[in-house]
């Protein structure tokens, strides 16, 4: 009976250590708008990557939201890196950590309009 419990415990522990399955590429897109629903045009969107205890390094060039406030970023993920999107324009700044490993993701940003 004890041996059966030990084997069952070992199988449970080994099944918990599954490695992340990464897609070939990840596409993150969405809209940046004001709280009244109007698009926020020309927001800088920058994808950054870092390793444990390492500095954040920009991947690719900064892109800008279009006339609808839309953006789209594609990258090839690496399991040893973490990724975040940085949105900034004038008085606005938003930092979003990518925590999912799904191939297609959406993230919208809504800012309160400053008059």
Protein backbone atom coordinates (compact mmCIF):
# COMPACT_ATOMS: atom_id res chain seq x y z
CA UNK A 1 0.00 0.00 0.00
CA UNK A 2 2.83 2.38 0.89
CA UNK A 3 4.56 1.67 -2.43
CA UNK A 4 1.35 2.50 -4.32
CA UNK A 5 1.10 5.88 -2.53
CA UNK A 6 4.75 6.68 -3.32
CA UNK A 7 4.31 5.88 -7.03
CA UNK A 8 1.07 7.92 -7.21
CA UNK A 9 2.81 10.86 -5.53
CA UNK A 10 5.73 10.72 -7.95
CA UNK A 11 3.38 10.70 -10.94
CA UNK A 12 1.52 13.74 -9.58
CA UNK A 13 4.75 15.70 -9.05
CA UNK A 14 6.13 14.84 -12.49
CA UNK A 15 2.89 15.83 -14.22
CA UNK A 16 3.00 19.28 -12.54
CA UNK A 17 6.34 20.11 -14.14
CA UNK A 18 5.04 20.39 -17.69
CA UNK A 19 7.06 22.77 -19.79
CA UNK A 20 5.37 25.75 -21.45
CA UNK A 21 4.37 25.06 -25.01
CA UNK A 22 5.09 28.21 -26.95
CA UNK A 23 3.43 29.16 -30.22
CA UNK A 24 5.67 30.04 -33.18
CA UNK A 25 4.65 33.67 -32.80
CA UNK A 26 2.38 35.73 -30.60
CA UNK A 27 0.22 38.53 -31.97
CA UNK A 28 -1.11 41.10 -29.51
CA UNK A 29 -3.55 43.69 -30.76
CA UNK A 30 -6.16 46.03 -29.42
CA UNK A 31 -7.41 49.57 -29.25
CA UNK A 32 -6.30 52.57 -27.23
CA UNK A 33 -9.20 54.90 -26.54
CA UNK A 34 -10.28 57.66 -24.23
CA UNK A 35 -12.94 56.86 -21.65
CA UNK A 36 -15.57 58.47 -23.91
CA UNK A 37 -14.81 55.87 -26.62
CA UNK A 38 -12.88 58.20 -28.94
CA UNK A 39 -9.73 56.66 -30.45
CA UNK A 40 -6.36 57.76 -29.09
CA UNK A 41 -4.25 58.29 -32.22
CA UNK A 42 -0.43 58.14 -32.39
CA UNK A 43 0.16 56.44 -29.03
CA UNK A 44 3.66 54.89 -28.91
CA UNK A 45 3.45 51.12 -28.41
CA UNK A 46 6.71 49.37 -27.57
CA UNK A 47 7.28 45.66 -26.90
CA UNK A 48 10.03 44.93 -24.36
CA UNK A 49 11.66 41.69 -23.27
CA UNK A 50 13.68 40.79 -20.19
CA UNK A 51 15.18 37.79 -18.48
CA UNK A 52 15.14 37.08 -14.75
CA UNK A 53 16.95 39.99 -13.06
CA UNK A 54 17.89 41.41 -16.48
CA UNK A 55 17.10 44.83 -17.90
CA UNK A 56 14.09 45.44 -20.12
CA UNK A 57 15.16 45.52 -23.77
CA UNK A 58 12.98 46.91 -26.58
CA UNK A 59 12.14 44.38 -29.31
CA UNK A 60 11.72 45.94 -32.71
CA UNK A 61 10.70 49.49 -33.38
CA UNK A 62 8.06 51.58 -31.68
CA UNK A 63 4.74 51.41 -33.49
CA UNK A 64 1.92 53.93 -33.28
CA UNK A 65 -1.82 53.53 -32.97
CA UNK A 66 -3.68 54.35 -36.17
CA UNK A 67 -6.65 56.69 -36.71
CA UNK A 68 -8.94 54.16 -34.98
CA UNK A 69 -6.58 53.80 -32.01
CA UNK A 70 -5.65 50.28 -33.18
CA UNK A 71 -2.25 48.63 -32.76
CA UNK A 72 -0.80 45.19 -33.51
CA UNK A 73 2.50 43.69 -32.35
CA UNK A 74 3.96 40.32 -33.37
CA UNK A 75 6.93 38.54 -31.84
CA UNK A 76 8.54 35.13 -31.50
CA UNK A 77 8.38 34.17 -27.82
CA UNK A 78 11.21 32.63 -25.81
CA UNK A 79 10.36 30.70 -22.62
CA UNK A 80 13.27 32.30 -20.76
CA UNK A 81 11.98 35.85 -21.31
CA UNK A 82 9.13 37.93 -19.96
CA UNK A 83 7.38 40.45 -22.17
CA UNK A 84 5.54 43.69 -21.63
CA UNK A 85 3.89 46.34 -23.75
CA UNK A 86 4.49 49.98 -22.98
CA UNK A 87 1.95 52.56 -24.15
CA UNK A 88 2.89 56.23 -23.90
CA UNK A 89 1.85 59.58 -25.29
CA UNK A 90 2.35 63.02 -23.76
CA UNK A 91 0.86 62.79 -20.24
CA UNK A 92 -0.10 59.12 -20.52
CA UNK A 93 1.81 55.95 -19.67
CA UNK A 94 0.60 52.36 -19.32
CA UNK A 95 2.69 49.23 -18.76
CA UNK A 96 1.11 45.82 -19.49
CA UNK A 97 2.83 42.50 -18.73
CA UNK A 98 2.06 39.68 -21.13
CA UNK A 99 1.34 36.66 -18.97
CA UNK A 100 -0.40 34.37 -21.46
CA UNK A 101 1.28 32.20 -24.07
CA UNK A 102 -1.64 32.24 -26.48
CA UNK A 103 -0.87 32.84 -30.16
CA UNK A 104 -3.48 35.60 -30.55
CA UNK A 105 -4.27 38.02 -27.73
CA UNK A 106 -6.20 41.25 -27.35
CA UNK A 107 -5.48 44.05 -24.90
CA UNK A 108 -7.38 47.33 -24.96
CA UNK A 109 -6.28 50.43 -23.07
CA UNK A 110 -8.73 53.12 -21.94
CA UNK A 111 -7.51 56.48 -20.66
CA UNK A 112 -9.44 59.22 -18.92
CA UNK A 113 -9.46 62.26 -21.15
CA UNK A 114 -7.52 65.21 -19.69
CA UNK A 115 -9.15 68.52 -20.62
